[in-house]
């Protein structure tokens, strides 16, 4: 069989080949479009047109999704209020110590009648 160079890469290929073995590109003399069929294409009959379906309306019991969404919103709002109140309570300064003979630590300090510190009573052995 006679040989000819590829019109794209120049490599030697068999004359009459549709594609080059080396670069894979189509050759000018070869037809890359398949031949048309001898029989005419078969036309299909038109499909029957179905009447338009009426729009579906929500049934009274079919709103479960909206009820669920409403419940979720209420629960999240309640959680938000609880978190806000907890945060607000943490922002307040601590209450002052109760009046009395304590210095804020809950430990009684012995004061005398005149407000001075009195020594503890002596131990008897």
N, C-alpha and C. Protein backbone atom coordinates (compact mmCIF):
# COMPACT_ATOMS: atom_id res chain seq x y z
N UNK A 1 0.85 -1.16 0.00
CA UNK A 1 0.00 0.00 0.00
C UNK A 1 0.90 1.24 0.00
N UNK A 2 0.52 2.28 -0.71
CA UNK A 2 1.36 3.47 -0.79
C UNK A 2 1.30 4.26 0.52
N UNK A 3 2.35 4.98 0.79
CA UNK A 3 2.46 5.77 2.01
C UNK A 3 2.46 7.25 1.67
N UNK A 4 2.02 8.06 2.64
CA UNK A 4 1.98 9.51 2.45
C UNK A 4 2.25 10.17 3.80
N UNK A 5 2.75 11.39 3.81
CA UNK A 5 2.99 12.07 5.09
C UNK A 5 1.68 12.63 5.67
N UNK A 6 1.64 12.67 7.00
CA UNK A 6 0.48 13.27 7.69
C UNK A 6 0.50 14.77 7.42
N UNK A 7 -0.66 15.35 7.19
CA UNK A 7 -0.71 16.77 6.87
C UNK A 7 -0.54 17.65 8.12
N UNK A 8 -0.58 17.03 9.32
CA UNK A 8 -0.43 17.80 10.55
C UNK A 8 0.97 17.65 11.17
N UNK A 9 1.44 16.40 11.31
CA UNK A 9 2.72 16.19 11.99
C UNK A 9 3.85 15.77 11.04
N UNK A 10 3.54 15.35 9.83
CA UNK A 10 4.56 15.00 8.86
C UNK A 10 5.03 13.55 8.93
N UNK A 11 4.58 12.77 9.90
CA UNK A 11 4.97 11.36 10.00
C UNK A 11 4.38 10.59 8.82
N UNK A 12 5.05 9.52 8.44
CA UNK A 12 4.59 8.72 7.31
C UNK A 12 3.47 7.79 7.78
N UNK A 13 2.35 7.84 7.02
CA UNK A 13 1.20 6.97 7.32
C UNK A 13 0.76 6.31 6.02
N UNK A 14 -0.11 5.34 6.11
CA UNK A 14 -0.63 4.67 4.93
C UNK A 14 -1.55 5.64 4.18
N UNK A 15 -1.43 5.67 2.87
CA UNK A 15 -2.29 6.53 2.06
C UNK A 15 -3.72 6.04 2.19
N UNK A 16 -4.65 6.93 2.36
CA UNK A 16 -6.06 6.56 2.49
C UNK A 16 -6.50 6.41 3.95
N UNK A 17 -5.56 6.50 4.93
CA UNK A 17 -5.96 6.42 6.34
C UNK A 17 -6.78 7.67 6.67
N UNK A 18 -7.79 7.48 7.52
CA UNK A 18 -8.63 8.61 7.91
C UNK A 18 -7.97 9.44 9.00
N UNK A 19 -7.16 8.79 9.86
CA UNK A 19 -6.51 9.47 10.96
C UNK A 19 -5.04 9.10 10.99
N UNK A 20 -4.21 10.00 11.50
CA UNK A 20 -2.78 9.75 11.64
C UNK A 20 -2.56 8.82 12.83
N UNK A 21 -1.69 7.83 12.70
CA UNK A 21 -1.39 6.90 13.79
C UNK A 21 -0.58 7.58 14.90
N UNK A 22 0.11 8.66 14.58
CA UNK A 22 1.01 9.30 15.52
C UNK A 22 0.35 10.46 16.27
N UNK A 23 -0.31 11.37 15.56
CA UNK A 23 -0.90 12.53 16.24
C UNK A 23 -2.41 12.39 16.42
N UNK A 24 -3.05 11.46 15.71
CA UNK A 24 -4.47 11.19 15.87
C UNK A 24 -5.39 12.18 15.18
N UNK A 25 -4.84 13.11 14.41
CA UNK A 25 -5.69 14.11 13.76
C UNK A 25 -6.22 13.57 12.43
N UNK A 26 -7.41 14.04 12.00
CA UNK A 26 -7.98 13.56 10.74
C UNK A 26 -7.20 14.08 9.54
N UNK A 27 -7.23 13.29 8.51
CA UNK A 27 -6.54 13.67 7.28
C UNK A 27 -7.52 14.35 6.33
N UNK A 28 -7.01 15.22 5.45
CA UNK A 28 -7.87 16.04 4.59
C UNK A 28 -8.65 15.21 3.59
N UNK A 29 -8.08 14.23 3.02
CA UNK A 29 -8.76 13.46 2.00
C UNK A 29 -9.78 12.48 2.57
N UNK A 30 -9.70 12.17 3.86
CA UNK A 30 -10.60 11.19 4.46
C UNK A 30 -11.84 11.88 4.99
N UNK A 31 -12.94 11.25 4.84
CA UNK A 31 -14.20 11.79 5.33
C UNK A 31 -14.40 11.33 6.78
N UNK A 32 -14.58 12.30 7.69
CA UNK A 32 -14.79 11.94 9.09
C UNK A 32 -16.26 11.88 9.44
N UNK A 33 -17.12 12.32 8.52
CA UNK A 33 -18.56 12.28 8.76
C UNK A 33 -19.09 10.96 8.21
N UNK A 34 -19.85 10.21 8.98
CA UNK A 34 -20.37 8.96 8.46
C UNK A 34 -21.35 9.22 7.31
N UNK A 35 -21.42 8.27 6.44
CA UNK A 35 -22.31 8.40 5.28
C UNK A 35 -23.75 8.46 5.76
N UNK A 36 -24.58 9.18 5.00
CA UNK A 36 -25.98 9.30 5.38
C UNK A 36 -26.67 7.96 5.16
N UNK A 37 -27.61 7.61 6.01
CA UNK A 37 -28.28 6.32 5.86
C UNK A 37 -29.12 6.30 4.59
N UNK A 38 -29.27 5.13 4.05
CA UNK A 38 -30.03 4.98 2.82
C UNK A 38 -31.52 5.12 3.07
N UNK A 39 -31.97 4.77 4.26
CA UNK A 39 -33.39 4.88 4.57
C UNK A 39 -33.66 6.20 5.27
N UNK A 40 -34.77 6.84 5.00
CA UNK A 40 -35.08 8.10 5.66
C UNK A 40 -35.37 7.85 7.15
N UNK A 41 -35.13 8.83 7.98
CA UNK A 41 -35.41 8.64 9.40
C UNK A 41 -36.90 8.44 9.66
N UNK A 42 -37.17 7.66 10.66
CA UNK A 42 -38.56 7.36 11.01
C UNK A 42 -39.07 8.48 11.91
N UNK A 43 -40.20 9.04 11.53
CA UNK A 43 -40.77 10.08 12.38
C UNK A 43 -41.76 9.45 13.35
N UNK A 44 -41.70 9.88 14.57
CA UNK A 44 -42.59 9.35 15.60
C UNK A 44 -43.90 10.12 15.59
N UNK A 45 -44.99 9.45 15.93
CA UNK A 45 -46.25 10.18 16.00
C UNK A 45 -46.20 11.19 17.15
N UNK A 46 -46.93 12.27 17.04
CA UNK A 46 -46.91 13.26 18.12
C UNK A 46 -47.48 12.67 19.41
N UNK A 47 -46.90 13.09 20.50
CA UNK A 47 -47.36 12.60 21.80
C UNK A 47 -48.66 13.30 22.17
N UNK A 48 -49.57 12.56 22.79
CA UNK A 48 -50.83 13.20 23.18
C UNK A 48 -50.57 14.21 24.30
N UNK A 49 -51.29 15.31 24.22
CA UNK A 49 -51.14 16.36 25.20
C UNK A 49 -52.09 16.06 26.35
N UNK A 50 -51.53 15.98 27.56
CA UNK A 50 -52.38 15.72 28.72
C UNK A 50 -52.90 17.05 29.25
N UNK A 51 -54.10 17.05 29.82
CA UNK A 51 -54.63 18.31 30.36
C UNK A 51 -53.78 18.76 31.55
N UNK A 52 -53.74 20.04 31.74
CA UNK A 52 -52.93 20.59 32.83
C UNK A 52 -53.49 20.10 34.16
N UNK A 53 -52.58 19.74 35.04
CA UNK A 53 -53.01 19.26 36.35
C UNK A 53 -53.36 20.46 37.22
N UNK A 54 -54.44 20.37 37.98
CA UNK A 54 -54.79 21.50 38.84
C UNK A 54 -53.75 21.66 39.94
N UNK A 55 -53.58 22.88 40.40
CA UNK A 55 -52.62 23.15 41.46
C UNK A 55 -53.08 22.46 42.74
N UNK A 56 -52.12 21.86 43.44
CA UNK A 56 -52.46 21.18 44.67
C UNK A 56 -52.61 22.21 45.77
N UNK A 57 -53.64 22.04 46.56
CA UNK A 57 -53.86 22.95 47.66
C UNK A 57 -53.47 22.25 48.95
N UNK A 58 -52.97 23.04 49.88
CA UNK A 58 -52.58 22.46 51.16
C UNK A 58 -53.82 22.02 51.91
N UNK A 59 -53.75 20.81 52.41
CA UNK A 59 -54.85 20.32 53.22
C UNK A 59 -54.69 20.86 54.63
N UNK A 60 -55.74 20.91 55.42
CA UNK A 60 -55.63 21.44 56.78
C UNK A 60 -54.61 20.68 57.63
N UNK A 61 -54.49 19.40 57.44
CA UNK A 61 -53.56 18.62 58.24
C UNK A 61 -52.18 18.54 57.64
N UNK A 62 -51.94 19.16 56.52
CA UNK A 62 -50.66 19.04 55.85
C UNK A 62 -49.68 20.13 56.19
N UNK A 63 -49.91 20.88 57.23
CA UNK A 63 -49.00 21.97 57.58
C UNK A 63 -48.10 21.57 58.73
N UNK A 64 -47.69 20.32 58.79
CA UNK A 64 -46.83 19.84 59.87
C UNK A 64 -45.48 20.51 59.86
N UNK A 65 -44.97 20.84 58.68
CA UNK A 65 -43.67 21.48 58.59
C UNK A 65 -43.68 22.87 59.19
N UNK A 66 -44.75 23.62 58.98
CA UNK A 66 -44.81 24.97 59.53
C UNK A 66 -45.01 24.92 61.04
N UNK A 67 -45.73 23.94 61.55
CA UNK A 67 -45.90 23.81 63.00
C UNK A 67 -44.56 23.47 63.64
N UNK A 68 -43.82 22.59 63.02
CA UNK A 68 -42.50 22.22 63.54
C UNK A 68 -41.58 23.43 63.55
N UNK A 69 -41.59 24.22 62.48
CA UNK A 69 -40.75 25.41 62.41
C UNK A 69 -41.14 26.41 63.50
N UNK A 70 -42.44 26.56 63.75
CA UNK A 70 -42.91 27.47 64.79
C UNK A 70 -42.42 27.01 66.16
N UNK A 71 -42.50 25.72 66.44
CA UNK A 71 -42.05 25.19 67.73
C UNK A 71 -40.55 25.41 67.90
N UNK A 72 -39.79 25.18 66.85
CA UNK A 72 -38.33 25.38 66.92
C UNK A 72 -38.01 26.84 67.22
N UNK A 73 -38.73 27.77 66.59
CA UNK A 73 -38.49 29.19 66.82
C UNK A 73 -38.80 29.56 68.26
N UNK A 74 -39.89 29.03 68.80
CA UNK A 74 -40.26 29.33 70.19
C UNK A 74 -39.21 28.78 71.15
N UNK A 75 -38.74 27.57 70.91
CA UNK A 75 -37.72 26.97 71.79
C UNK A 75 -36.43 27.78 71.73
N UNK A 76 -36.00 28.18 70.55
CA UNK A 76 -34.78 28.98 70.42
C UNK A 76 -34.94 30.35 71.08
N UNK A 77 -36.12 30.96 70.98
CA UNK A 77 -36.34 32.24 71.63
C UNK A 77 -36.26 32.09 73.15
N UNK A 78 -36.86 31.03 73.68
CA UNK A 78 -36.79 30.80 75.12
C UNK A 78 -35.37 30.57 75.59
N UNK A 79 -34.61 29.83 74.82
CA UNK A 79 -33.21 29.60 75.18
C UNK A 79 -32.43 30.92 75.15
N UNK A 80 -32.72 31.75 74.18
CA UNK A 80 -32.04 33.05 74.09
C UNK A 80 -32.36 33.93 75.28
N UNK A 81 -33.63 33.95 75.72
CA UNK A 81 -34.01 34.74 76.88
C UNK A 81 -33.29 34.22 78.12
N UNK A 82 -33.24 32.91 78.29
CA UNK A 82 -32.55 32.33 79.44
C UNK A 82 -31.07 32.67 79.46
N UNK A 83 -30.42 32.59 78.31
CA UNK A 83 -29.01 32.94 78.23
C UNK A 83 -28.78 34.43 78.53
N UNK A 84 -29.69 35.27 78.04
CA UNK A 84 -29.55 36.71 78.28
C UNK A 84 -29.68 37.02 79.76
N UNK A 85 -30.67 36.41 80.42
CA UNK A 85 -30.85 36.66 81.86
C UNK A 85 -29.65 36.17 82.65
N UNK A 86 -29.10 35.02 82.28
CA UNK A 86 -27.91 34.50 82.96
C UNK A 86 -26.74 35.45 82.76
N UNK A 87 -26.55 35.95 81.57
CA UNK A 87 -25.46 36.90 81.28
C UNK A 87 -25.67 38.19 82.04
N UNK A 88 -26.92 38.67 82.08
CA UNK A 88 -27.23 39.91 82.76
C UNK A 88 -26.95 39.78 84.26
N UNK A 89 -27.25 38.63 84.82
CA UNK A 89 -27.02 38.41 86.23
C UNK A 89 -25.51 38.39 86.54
N UNK A 90 -24.72 37.87 85.61
CA UNK A 90 -23.27 37.83 85.81
C UNK A 90 -22.65 39.22 85.71
N UNK A 91 -23.34 40.16 85.06
CA UNK A 91 -22.80 41.51 84.90
C UNK A 91 -22.98 42.36 86.16
N UNK A 92 -23.88 41.97 87.06
CA UNK A 92 -24.12 42.74 88.28
C UNK A 92 -22.96 42.54 89.24
N UNK A 93 -22.61 43.59 90.00
CA UNK A 93 -21.55 43.41 90.99
C UNK A 93 -22.05 42.52 92.13
N UNK A 94 -21.15 41.84 92.82
CA UNK A 94 -21.59 40.98 93.92
C UNK A 94 -22.20 41.82 95.04
N UNK A 95 -23.15 41.26 95.77
CA UNK A 95 -23.78 42.04 96.85
C UNK A 95 -22.77 42.31 97.95
N UNK A 96 -22.95 43.40 98.68
CA UNK A 96 -22.01 43.71 99.77
C UNK A 96 -22.17 42.68 100.90
N UNK A 97 -21.13 42.53 101.72
CA UNK A 97 -21.24 41.56 102.82
C UNK A 97 -22.30 42.02 103.81
N UNK A 98 -22.93 41.09 104.49
CA UNK A 98 -23.97 41.48 105.45
C UNK A 98 -23.34 42.26 106.60
N UNK A 99 -24.11 43.15 107.19
CA UNK A 99 -23.56 43.92 108.30
C UNK A 99 -23.29 43.02 109.51
N UNK A 100 -22.32 43.40 110.26
CA UNK A 100 -21.98 42.62 111.43
C UNK A 100 -20.48 42.68 111.65
N UNK A 101 -19.98 41.74 112.41
CA UNK A 101 -18.56 41.76 112.74
C UNK A 101 -17.78 40.83 111.81
N UNK A 102 -18.05 40.91 110.52
CA UNK A 102 -17.33 40.10 109.53
C UNK A 102 -16.65 41.03 108.56
N UNK A 103 -15.55 40.63 108.04
CA UNK A 103 -14.82 41.46 107.09
C UNK A 103 -14.99 40.93 105.66
N UNK A 104 -16.14 40.43 105.30
CA UNK A 104 -16.42 39.98 103.96
C UNK A 104 -15.96 38.57 103.68
N UNK A 105 -15.30 37.93 104.62
CA UNK A 105 -14.80 36.58 104.39
C UNK A 105 -15.62 35.53 105.14
N UNK A 106 -16.58 35.99 105.91
CA UNK A 106 -17.40 35.07 106.66
C UNK A 106 -16.75 34.60 107.95
N UNK A 107 -15.64 35.26 108.33
CA UNK A 107 -14.92 34.88 109.55
C UNK A 107 -15.22 35.93 110.62
N UNK A 108 -15.79 35.54 111.75
CA UNK A 108 -16.07 36.55 112.78
C UNK A 108 -14.78 37.12 113.37
N UNK A 109 -14.77 38.41 113.57
CA UNK A 109 -13.61 39.09 114.14
C UNK A 109 -14.07 39.62 115.51
N UNK A 110 -13.31 39.32 116.58
CA UNK A 110 -13.75 39.76 117.91
C UNK A 110 -13.52 41.26 118.10
N UNK A 111 -14.59 42.02 118.20
CA UNK A 111 -14.51 43.45 118.47
C UNK A 111 -15.04 43.70 119.87
N UNK A 112 -14.47 44.66 120.46
CA UNK A 112 -14.97 45.06 121.77
C UNK A 112 -16.14 46.00 121.61
N UNK A 113 -16.67 46.46 122.70
CA UNK A 113 -17.81 47.36 122.68
C UNK A 113 -17.45 48.69 122.05
N UNK A 114 -16.19 49.11 122.22
CA UNK A 114 -15.77 50.38 121.64
C UNK A 114 -15.29 50.26 120.20
N UNK A 115 -15.34 49.06 119.58
CA UNK A 115 -14.94 48.85 118.20
C UNK A 115 -13.50 48.47 118.03
N UNK A 116 -12.76 48.32 119.12
CA UNK A 116 -11.36 47.92 119.01
C UNK A 116 -11.27 46.41 119.09
N UNK A 117 -10.16 45.91 118.61
CA UNK A 117 -9.94 44.47 118.63
C UNK A 117 -9.63 44.02 120.06
N UNK A 118 -10.26 42.95 120.48
CA UNK A 118 -10.01 42.44 121.83
C UNK A 118 -9.26 41.13 121.71
N UNK A 119 -8.31 40.90 122.60
CA UNK A 119 -7.56 39.64 122.53
C UNK A 119 -8.46 38.47 122.93
N UNK A 120 -8.13 37.29 122.43
CA UNK A 120 -8.92 36.13 122.81
C UNK A 120 -8.76 35.84 124.30
N UNK A 121 -9.74 35.20 124.89
CA UNK A 121 -9.62 34.89 126.32
C UNK A 121 -8.45 33.93 126.56
N UNK A 122 -7.83 34.07 127.67
CA UNK A 122 -6.68 33.23 128.03
C UNK A 122 -7.16 31.82 128.34
N UNK A 123 -6.36 30.87 127.95
CA UNK A 123 -6.72 29.48 128.21
C UNK A 123 -6.29 29.10 129.62
N UNK A 124 -7.12 28.39 130.26
CA UNK A 124 -6.79 27.91 131.59
C UNK A 124 -6.37 26.47 131.47
N UNK A 125 -5.23 26.17 132.09
CA UNK A 125 -4.73 24.81 132.02
C UNK A 125 -4.97 24.05 133.25
